[in-house]
Protein backbone atom coordinates (compact mmCIF):
# COMPACT_ATOMS: atom_id res chain seq x y z
CA UNK A 1 16.77 13.81 -2.71
CA UNK A 2 13.40 12.15 -2.70
CA UNK A 3 9.81 13.21 -2.67
CA UNK A 4 7.60 14.32 0.20
CA UNK A 5 5.16 11.75 1.55
CA UNK A 6 2.04 12.09 3.67
CA UNK A 7 1.50 9.31 6.19
CA UNK A 8 -1.96 9.06 7.75
CA UNK A 9 -2.06 6.65 10.66
CA UNK A 10 -4.98 5.41 12.75
CA UNK A 11 -4.05 3.65 15.98
CA UNK A 12 -5.51 2.61 19.29
CA UNK A 13 -4.78 5.10 22.06
CA UNK A 14 -1.56 4.34 23.88
CA UNK A 15 1.00 6.69 25.39
CA UNK A 16 3.90 5.19 23.40
CA UNK A 17 2.36 4.96 19.93
CA UNK A 18 3.25 8.45 18.69
CA UNK A 19 6.87 8.30 19.83
CA UNK A 20 7.34 4.84 18.31
CA UNK A 21 5.97 6.02 14.96
CA UNK A 22 8.16 9.12 14.90
CA UNK A 23 11.14 6.96 15.81
CA UNK A 24 10.92 5.19 12.41
CA UNK A 25 11.89 8.53 10.83
CA UNK A 26 14.44 9.48 13.49
CA UNK A 27 16.32 6.22 12.90
CA UNK A 28 16.83 7.34 9.29
CA UNK A 29 17.77 10.90 10.31
CA UNK A 30 14.62 12.27 8.64
CA UNK A 31 13.01 15.47 9.92
CA UNK A 32 9.24 15.87 9.65
CA UNK A 33 7.91 18.86 7.69
CA UNK A 34 4.64 18.76 9.62
CA UNK A 35 2.77 16.65 12.14
CA UNK A 36 -0.85 16.60 13.27
CA UNK A 37 -2.14 14.50 16.15
CA UNK A 38 -5.67 14.02 17.46
CA UNK A 39 -7.11 11.70 20.05
CA UNK A 40 -10.76 10.69 19.76
CA UNK A 41 -11.80 8.59 22.77
CA UNK A 42 -9.79 5.40 22.20
CA UNK A 43 -8.35 6.20 18.74
CA UNK A 44 -5.39 8.31 17.67
CA UNK A 45 -5.26 10.01 14.26
CA UNK A 46 -1.72 10.95 13.21
CA UNK A 47 -0.76 12.79 10.01
CA UNK A 48 2.91 13.27 9.14
CA UNK A 49 4.53 14.94 6.12
CA UNK A 50 8.08 13.79 5.50
CA UNK A 51 10.27 15.42 2.81
CA UNK A 52 13.33 13.94 1.08
CA UNK A 53 12.12 10.36 1.17
CA UNK A 54 12.42 7.93 -1.70
CA UNK A 55 9.38 5.75 -2.52
CA UNK A 56 11.06 2.47 -1.49
CA UNK A 57 11.95 3.84 1.96
CA UNK A 58 8.46 5.29 2.37
CA UNK A 59 6.96 1.85 1.68
CA UNK A 60 9.32 0.16 4.16
CA UNK A 61 8.43 2.65 6.89
CA UNK A 62 4.69 2.26 6.18
CA UNK A 63 5.00 -1.54 6.44
CA UNK A 64 6.88 -1.23 9.74
CA UNK A 65 4.07 0.95 11.08
CA UNK A 66 1.46 -1.56 9.89
CA UNK A 67 3.26 -4.30 11.82
CA UNK A 68 2.77 -2.45 15.12
CA UNK A 69 0.09 -4.11 17.26
CA UNK A 70 -1.78 -0.89 18.07
CA UNK A 71 -1.76 0.50 14.52
CA UNK A 72 -5.07 -0.11 12.76
CA UNK A 73 -4.35 1.53 9.39
CA UNK A 74 -1.62 3.37 7.50
CA UNK A 75 -2.20 5.35 4.30
CA UNK A 76 0.79 6.77 2.47
CA UNK A 77 0.91 8.97 -0.62
CA UNK A 78 3.23 11.49 -2.30
CA UNK A 79 2.38 15.09 -1.50
CA UNK A 80 3.53 18.65 -2.13
CA UNK A 81 5.13 20.61 0.66
C-alpha cells in the first residue's frame, strides 16, 4: 500500500474536465477518499485526496493532468487521511 496524496487542480471551465481528471484514477482502479469541486466564473478548482498511491504513480498522474489543454496548474503533495 502507498500513501495518500492531495491533488489540487486549477482548470478552465469545461463540462468534461472533471470526468477526465477522475478517469486517471479510475483507470488504475483507485477510489478517491474525498473530492471538492468549485466553479468560479471561467475557472474550476478541484481538490482530490487519493489513498493507497505510491509516489511514482502520483507523479505520473499529475504529469498526465498537466498535459491536458484545459488544466492550468496541478499541485500534488502527501497528506493524512
